[in-house]
PDB file of N, CA and C in Angstrom:
ATOM      1  N   UNK A   1       0.851  -1.183   0.000  1.00  0.00           N
ATOM      2  CA  UNK A   1       0.000   0.000   0.000  1.00  0.00           C
ATOM      3  C   UNK A   1       0.888   1.235   0.000  1.00  0.00           C
ATOM      4  N   UNK A   2       0.653   2.133  -0.955  1.00  0.00           N
ATOM      5  CA  UNK A   2       1.446   3.349  -1.038  1.00  0.00           C
ATOM      6  C   UNK A   2       0.959   4.410  -0.072  1.00  0.00           C
ATOM      7  N   UNK A   3       1.620   5.518  -0.112  1.00  0.00           N
ATOM      8  CA  UNK A   3       1.182   6.643   0.707  1.00  0.00           C
ATOM      9  C   UNK A   3      -0.197   7.095   0.243  1.00  0.00           C
ATOM     10  N   UNK A   4      -1.087   7.404   1.179  1.00  0.00           N
ATOM     11  CA  UNK A   4      -2.396   7.894   0.756  1.00  0.00           C
ATOM     12  C   UNK A   4      -2.272   9.255   0.077  1.00  0.00           C
ATOM     13  N   UNK A   5      -3.085   9.491  -0.910  1.00  0.00           N
ATOM     14  CA  UNK A   5      -3.108  10.761  -1.620  1.00  0.00           C
ATOM     15  C   UNK A   5      -4.441  11.435  -1.328  1.00  0.00           C
ATOM     16  N   UNK A   6      -4.433  12.737  -1.422  1.00  0.00           N
ATOM     17  CA  UNK A   6      -5.652  13.494  -1.182  1.00  0.00           C
ATOM     18  C   UNK A   6      -6.401  13.681  -2.493  1.00  0.00           C
ATOM     19  N   UNK A   7      -7.624  13.164  -2.541  1.00  0.00           N
ATOM     20  CA  UNK A   7      -8.490  13.398  -3.692  1.00  0.00           C
ATOM     21  C   UNK A   7      -9.414  14.563  -3.343  1.00  0.00           C
ATOM     22  N   UNK A   8      -9.848  15.275  -4.370  1.00  0.00           N
ATOM     23  CA  UNK A   8     -10.642  16.475  -4.133  1.00  0.00           C
ATOM     24  C   UNK A   8     -11.752  16.620  -5.156  1.00  0.00           C
ATOM     25  N   UNK A   9     -12.895  17.090  -4.690  1.00  0.00           N
ATOM     26  CA  UNK A   9     -13.945  17.486  -5.622  1.00  0.00           C
ATOM     27  C   UNK A   9     -14.226  18.971  -5.455  1.00  0.00           C
ATOM     28  N   UNK A  10     -13.166  19.711  -5.092  1.00  0.00           N
ATOM     29  CA  UNK A  10     -13.307  21.148  -4.872  1.00  0.00           C
ATOM     30  C   UNK A  10     -13.782  21.854  -6.142  1.00  0.00           C
ATOM     31  N   UNK A  11     -13.160  21.534  -7.274  1.00  0.00           N
ATOM     32  CA  UNK A  11     -13.547  22.215  -8.515  1.00  0.00           C
ATOM     33  C   UNK A  11     -15.008  21.934  -8.861  1.00  0.00           C
ATOM     34  N   UNK A  12     -15.427  20.675  -8.725  1.00  0.00           N
ATOM     35  CA  UNK A  12     -16.817  20.325  -9.032  1.00  0.00           C
ATOM     36  C   UNK A  12     -17.780  21.057  -8.101  1.00  0.00           C
ATOM     37  N   UNK A  13     -17.438  21.128  -6.820  1.00  0.00           N
ATOM     38  CA  UNK A  13     -18.304  21.803  -5.853  1.00  0.00           C
ATOM     39  C   UNK A  13     -18.349  23.305  -6.130  1.00  0.00           C
ATOM     40  N   UNK A  14     -17.198  23.865  -6.490  1.00  0.00           N
ATOM     41  CA  UNK A  14     -17.138  25.301  -6.791  1.00  0.00           C
ATOM     42  C   UNK A  14     -17.980  25.628  -8.021  1.00  0.00           C
ATOM     43  N   UNK A  15     -17.827  24.841  -9.079  1.00  0.00           N
ATOM     44  CA  UNK A  15     -18.583  25.124 -10.302  1.00  0.00           C
ATOM     45  C   UNK A  15     -20.076  24.879 -10.080  1.00  0.00           C
ATOM     46  N   UNK A  16     -20.420  23.862  -9.282  1.00  0.00           N
ATOM     47  CA  UNK A  16     -21.829  23.601  -8.963  1.00  0.00           C
ATOM     48  C   UNK A  16     -22.439  24.774  -8.204  1.00  0.00           C
ATOM     49  N   UNK A  17     -21.612  25.465  -7.411  1.00  0.00           N
ATOM     50  CA  UNK A  17     -22.081  26.630  -6.657  1.00  0.00           C
ATOM     51  C   UNK A  17     -22.095  27.890  -7.522  1.00  0.00           C
ATOM     52  N   UNK A  18     -21.616  27.771  -8.759  1.00  0.00           N
ATOM     53  CA  UNK A  18     -21.610  28.913  -9.667  1.00  0.00           C
ATOM     54  C   UNK A  18     -20.562  29.957  -9.339  1.00  0.00           C
ATOM     55  N   UNK A  19     -19.472  29.507  -8.709  1.00  0.00           N
ATOM     56  CA  UNK A  19     -18.423  30.440  -8.307  1.00  0.00           C
ATOM     57  C   UNK A  19     -17.181  30.298  -9.176  1.00  0.00           C
ATOM     58  N   UNK A  20     -16.521  31.429  -9.440  1.00  0.00           N
ATOM     59  CA  UNK A  20     -15.210  31.385 -10.075  1.00  0.00           C
ATOM     60  C   UNK A  20     -14.167  31.094  -8.991  1.00  0.00           C
ATOM     61  N   UNK A  21     -12.958  30.772  -9.411  1.00  0.00           N
ATOM     62  CA  UNK A  21     -11.881  30.577  -8.431  1.00  0.00           C
ATOM     63  C   UNK A  21     -11.696  31.846  -7.603  1.00  0.00           C
ATOM     64  N   UNK A  22     -11.765  33.007  -8.248  1.00  0.00           N
ATOM     65  CA  UNK A  22     -11.579  34.281  -7.535  1.00  0.00           C
ATOM     66  C   UNK A  22     -12.673  34.512  -6.505  1.00  0.00           C
ATOM     67  N   UNK A  23     -13.915  34.171  -6.860  1.00  0.00           N
ATOM     68  CA  UNK A  23     -15.026  34.361  -5.926  1.00  0.00           C
ATOM     69  C   UNK A  23     -14.908  33.437  -4.717  1.00  0.00           C
ATOM     70  N   UNK A  24     -14.532  32.173  -4.958  1.00  0.00           N
ATOM     71  CA  UNK A  24     -14.345  31.252  -3.842  1.00  0.00           C
ATOM     72  C   UNK A  24     -13.182  31.711  -2.976  1.00  0.00           C
ATOM     73  N   UNK A  25     -12.117  32.157  -3.613  1.00  0.00           N
ATOM     74  CA  UNK A  25     -10.951  32.647  -2.872  1.00  0.00           C
ATOM     75  C   UNK A  25     -11.341  33.797  -1.949  1.00  0.00           C
ATOM     76  N   UNK A  26     -12.147  34.721  -2.462  1.00  0.00           N
ATOM     77  CA  UNK A  26     -12.578  35.860  -1.650  1.00  0.00           C
ATOM     78  C   UNK A  26     -13.408  35.391  -0.462  1.00  0.00           C
ATOM     79  N   UNK A  27     -14.322  34.458  -0.701  1.00  0.00           N
ATOM     80  CA  UNK A  27     -15.154  33.930   0.390  1.00  0.00           C
ATOM     81  C   UNK A  27     -14.324  33.215   1.452  1.00  0.00           C
ATOM     82  N   UNK A  28     -13.280  32.521   1.006  1.00  0.00           N
ATOM     83  CA  UNK A  28     -12.461  31.737   1.928  1.00  0.00           C
ATOM     84  C   UNK A  28     -11.298  32.534   2.506  1.00  0.00           C
ATOM     85  N   UNK A  29     -11.086  33.742   2.001  1.00  0.00           N
ATOM     86  CA  UNK A  29     -10.013  34.591   2.524  1.00  0.00           C
ATOM     87  C   UNK A  29      -8.623  34.154   2.093  1.00  0.00           C
ATOM     88  N   UNK A  30      -8.526  33.602   0.878  1.00  0.00           N
ATOM     89  CA  UNK A  30      -7.219  33.186   0.337  1.00  0.00           C
ATOM     90  C   UNK A  30      -7.069  33.745  -1.071  1.00  0.00           C
ATOM     91  N   UNK A  31      -5.933  33.493  -1.697  1.00  0.00           N
ATOM     92  CA  UNK A  31      -5.706  33.969  -3.057  1.00  0.00           C
ATOM     93  C   UNK A  31      -6.321  33.015  -4.078  1.00  0.00           C
ATOM     94  N   UNK A  32      -6.572  33.523  -5.283  1.00  0.00           N
ATOM     95  CA  UNK A  32      -7.075  32.676  -6.359  1.00  0.00           C
ATOM     96  C   UNK A  32      -6.062  31.592  -6.686  1.00  0.00           C
ATOM     97  N   UNK A  33      -4.777  31.936  -6.605  1.00  0.00           N
ATOM     98  CA  UNK A  33      -3.730  30.952  -6.885  1.00  0.00           C
ATOM     99  C   UNK A  33      -3.813  29.776  -5.909  1.00  0.00           C
ATOM    100  N   UNK A  34      -4.140  30.047  -4.652  1.00  0.00           N
ATOM    101  CA  UNK A  34      -4.305  28.969  -3.669  1.00  0.00           C
ATOM    102  C   UNK A  34      -5.425  28.029  -4.098  1.00  0.00           C
ATOM    103  N   UNK A  35      -6.554  28.590  -4.514  1.00  0.00           N
ATOM    104  CA  UNK A  35      -7.672  27.761  -4.983  1.00  0.00           C
ATOM    105  C   UNK A  35      -7.218  26.924  -6.176  1.00  0.00           C
ATOM    106  N   UNK A  36      -6.521  27.553  -7.114  1.00  0.00           N
ATOM    107  CA  UNK A  36      -6.048  26.864  -8.314  1.00  0.00           C
ATOM    108  C   UNK A  36      -5.131  25.698  -7.965  1.00  0.00           C
ATOM    109  N   UNK A  37      -4.179  25.922  -7.058  1.00  0.00           N
ATOM    110  CA  UNK A  37      -3.224  24.862  -6.733  1.00  0.00           C
ATOM    111  C   UNK A  37      -3.888  23.718  -5.963  1.00  0.00           C
ATOM    112  N   UNK A  38      -4.881  24.027  -5.124  1.00  0.00           N
ATOM    113  CA  UNK A  38      -5.612  22.960  -4.422  1.00  0.00           C
ATOM    114  C   UNK A  38      -6.433  22.154  -5.429  1.00  0.00           C
ATOM    115  N   UNK A  39      -7.119  22.853  -6.340  1.00  0.00           N
ATOM    116  CA  UNK A  39      -7.932  22.152  -7.340  1.00  0.00           C
ATOM    117  C   UNK A  39      -7.096  21.242  -8.227  1.00  0.00           C
ATOM    118  N   UNK A  40      -5.878  21.647  -8.511  1.00  0.00           N
ATOM    119  CA  UNK A  40      -5.006  20.874  -9.395  1.00  0.00           C
ATOM    120  C   UNK A  40      -4.139  19.854  -8.660  1.00  0.00           C
ATOM    121  N   UNK A  41      -4.331  19.732  -7.355  1.00  0.00           N
ATOM    122  CA  UNK A  41      -3.602  18.736  -6.585  1.00  0.00           C
ATOM    123  C   UNK A  41      -2.139  19.058  -6.357  1.00  0.00           C
ATOM    124  N   UNK A  42      -1.763  20.320  -6.595  1.00  0.00           N
ATOM    125  CA  UNK A  42      -0.381  20.746  -6.394  1.00  0.00           C
ATOM    126  C   UNK A  42      -0.127  21.018  -4.911  1.00  0.00           C
ATOM    127  N   UNK A  43      -1.151  21.503  -4.235  1.00  0.00           N
ATOM    128  CA  UNK A  43      -1.033  21.934  -2.846  1.00  0.00           C
ATOM    129  C   UNK A  43      -2.074  21.211  -2.007  1.00  0.00           C
ATOM    130  N   UNK A  44      -1.639  20.591  -0.920  1.00  0.00           N
ATOM    131  CA  UNK A  44      -2.562  19.941   0.021  1.00  0.00           C
ATOM    132  C   UNK A  44      -2.980  20.992   1.044  1.00  0.00           C
ATOM    133  N   UNK A  45      -4.276  21.253   1.163  1.00  0.00           N
ATOM    134  CA  UNK A  45      -4.719  22.316   2.068  1.00  0.00           C
ATOM    135  C   UNK A  45      -4.512  21.953   3.540  1.00  0.00           C
ATOM    136  N   UNK A  46      -4.231  22.971   4.331  1.00  0.00           N
ATOM    137  CA  UNK A  46      -4.179  22.783   5.774  1.00  0.00           C
ATOM    138  C   UNK A  46      -5.589  22.485   6.276  1.00  0.00           C
ATOM    139  N   UNK A  47      -5.679  22.044   7.503  1.00  0.00           N
ATOM    140  CA  UNK A  47      -6.989  21.800   8.105  1.00  0.00           C
ATOM    141  C   UNK A  47      -7.812  23.081   8.111  1.00  0.00           C
ATOM    142  N   UNK A  48      -7.192  24.186   8.477  1.00  0.00           N
ATOM    143  CA  UNK A  48      -7.909  25.466   8.533  1.00  0.00           C
ATOM    144  C   UNK A  48      -8.417  25.861   7.157  1.00  0.00           C
ATOM    145  N   UNK A  49      -7.581  25.705   6.136  1.00  0.00           N
ATOM    146  CA  UNK A  49      -8.008  26.040   4.783  1.00  0.00           C
ATOM    147  C   UNK A  49      -9.136  25.117   4.322  1.00  0.00           C
ATOM    148  N   UNK A  50      -9.004  23.818   4.576  1.00  0.00           N
ATOM    149  CA  UNK A  50     -10.043  22.876   4.173  1.00  0.00           C
ATOM    150  C   UNK A  50     -11.376  23.210   4.840  1.00  0.00           C
ATOM    151  N   UNK A  51     -11.339  23.548   6.124  1.00  0.00           N
ATOM    152  CA  UNK A  51     -12.555  23.930   6.837  1.00  0.00           C
ATOM    153  C   UNK A  51     -13.135  25.219   6.265  1.00  0.00           C
ATOM    154  N   UNK A  52     -12.275  26.181   5.936  1.00  0.00           N
ATOM    155  CA  UNK A  52     -12.726  27.448   5.359  1.00  0.00           C
ATOM    156  C   UNK A  52     -13.355  27.261   3.991  1.00  0.00           C
ATOM    157  N   UNK A  53     -12.773  26.386   3.187  1.00  0.00           N
ATOM    158  CA  UNK A  53     -13.332  26.120   1.860  1.00  0.00           C
ATOM    159  C   UNK A  53     -14.689  25.435   1.988  1.00  0.00           C
ATOM    160  N   UNK A  54     -14.795  24.468   2.912  1.00  0.00           N
ATOM    161  CA  UNK A  54     -16.069  23.789   3.129  1.00  0.00           C
ATOM    162  C   UNK A  54     -17.132  24.785   3.586  1.00  0.00           C
ATOM    163  N   UNK A  55     -16.778  25.659   4.497  1.00  0.00           N
ATOM    164  CA  UNK A  55     -17.724  26.659   4.988  1.00  0.00           C
ATOM    165  C   UNK A  55     -18.160  27.582   3.851  1.00  0.00           C
ATOM    166  N   UNK A  56     -17.204  28.017   3.040  1.00  0.00           N
ATOM    167  CA  UNK A  56     -17.509  28.931   1.936  1.00  0.00           C
ATOM    168  C   UNK A  56     -18.445  28.294   0.922  1.00  0.00           C
ATOM    169  N   UNK A  57     -18.390  26.961   0.817  1.00  0.00           N
ATOM    170  CA  UNK A  57     -19.240  26.244  -0.133  1.00  0.00           C
ATOM    171  C   UNK A  57     -20.472  25.624   0.524  1.00  0.00           C
ATOM    172  N   UNK A  58     -20.624  25.833   1.826  1.00  0.00           N
ATOM    173  CA  UNK A  58     -21.788  25.303   2.532  1.00  0.00           C
ATOM    174  C   UNK A  58     -21.821  23.789   2.584  1.00  0.00           C
ATOM    175  N   UNK A  59     -20.641  23.180   2.744  1.00  0.00           N
ATOM    176  CA  UNK A  59     -20.562  21.727   2.775  1.00  0.00           C
ATOM    177  C   UNK A  59     -19.586  21.299   3.861  1.00  0.00           C
ATOM    178  N   UNK A  60     -19.209  20.034   3.856  1.00  0.00           N
ATOM    179  CA  UNK A  60     -18.267  19.517   4.845  1.00  0.00           C
ATOM    180  C   UNK A  60     -16.912  19.242   4.204  1.00  0.00           C
ATOM    181  N   UNK A  61     -15.893  19.186   5.027  1.00  0.00           N
ATOM    182  CA  UNK A  61     -14.555  18.847   4.539  1.00  0.00           C
ATOM    183  C   UNK A  61     -14.579  17.477   3.872  1.00  0.00           C
ATOM    184  N   UNK A  62     -15.288  16.529   4.492  1.00  0.00           N
ATOM    185  CA  UNK A  62     -15.337  15.165   3.953  1.00  0.00           C
ATOM    186  C   UNK A  62     -15.994  15.098   2.584  1.00  0.00           C
ATOM    187  N   UNK A  63     -16.901  16.024   2.308  1.00  0.00           N
ATOM    188  CA  UNK A  63     -17.554  16.064   1.002  1.00  0.00           C
ATOM    189  C   UNK A  63     -16.608  16.609  -0.069  1.00  0.00           C
ATOM    190  N   UNK A  64     -15.592  17.363   0.349  1.00  0.00           N
ATOM    191  CA  UNK A  64     -14.659  17.968  -0.601  1.00  0.00           C
ATOM    192  C   UNK A  64     -13.377  17.183  -0.770  1.00  0.00           C
ATOM    193  N   UNK A  65     -12.889  16.572   0.314  1.00  0.00           N
ATOM    194  CA  UNK A  65     -11.587  15.914   0.296  1.00  0.00           C
ATOM    195  C   UNK A  65     -11.656  14.530   0.924  1.00  0.00           C
ATOM    196  N   UNK A  66     -10.898  13.596   0.376  1.00  0.00           N
ATOM    197  CA  UNK A  66     -10.811  12.267   0.973  1.00  0.00           C
ATOM    198  C   UNK A  66      -9.484  11.641   0.582  1.00  0.00           C
ATOM    199  N   UNK A  67      -9.086  10.613   1.344  1.00  0.00           N
ATOM    200  CA  UNK A  67      -7.819   9.925   1.077  1.00  0.00           C
ATOM    201  C   UNK A  67      -8.034   8.747   0.139  1.00  0.00           C
ATOM    202  N   UNK A  68      -7.072   8.562  -0.747  1.00  0.00           N
ATOM    203  CA  UNK A  68      -7.068   7.393  -1.635  1.00  0.00           C
ATOM    204  C   UNK A  68      -5.795   6.605  -1.361  1.00  0.00           C
ATOM    205  N   UNK A  69      -5.831   5.327  -1.615  1.00  0.00           N
ATOM    206  CA  UNK A  69      -4.633   4.487  -1.400  1.00  0.00           C
ATOM    207  C   UNK A  69      -3.834   4.388  -2.680  1.00  0.00           C
TER     208      UNK A  69
END
């Protein structure tokens, strides 16, 4: 079993909410680049960021992120 990787449905949730990366970034108090790097799997969000993104989208962290083997 390899190291678990973080899977994300952040982009799908953001687009379903009708938000641009910039709009979600503003709601979550981060930069658009941060949203972009999380969506593209370049950057693993901190717990605080993950909670903030979930709150901004009206969902839970578990609905946005999960571990894969």
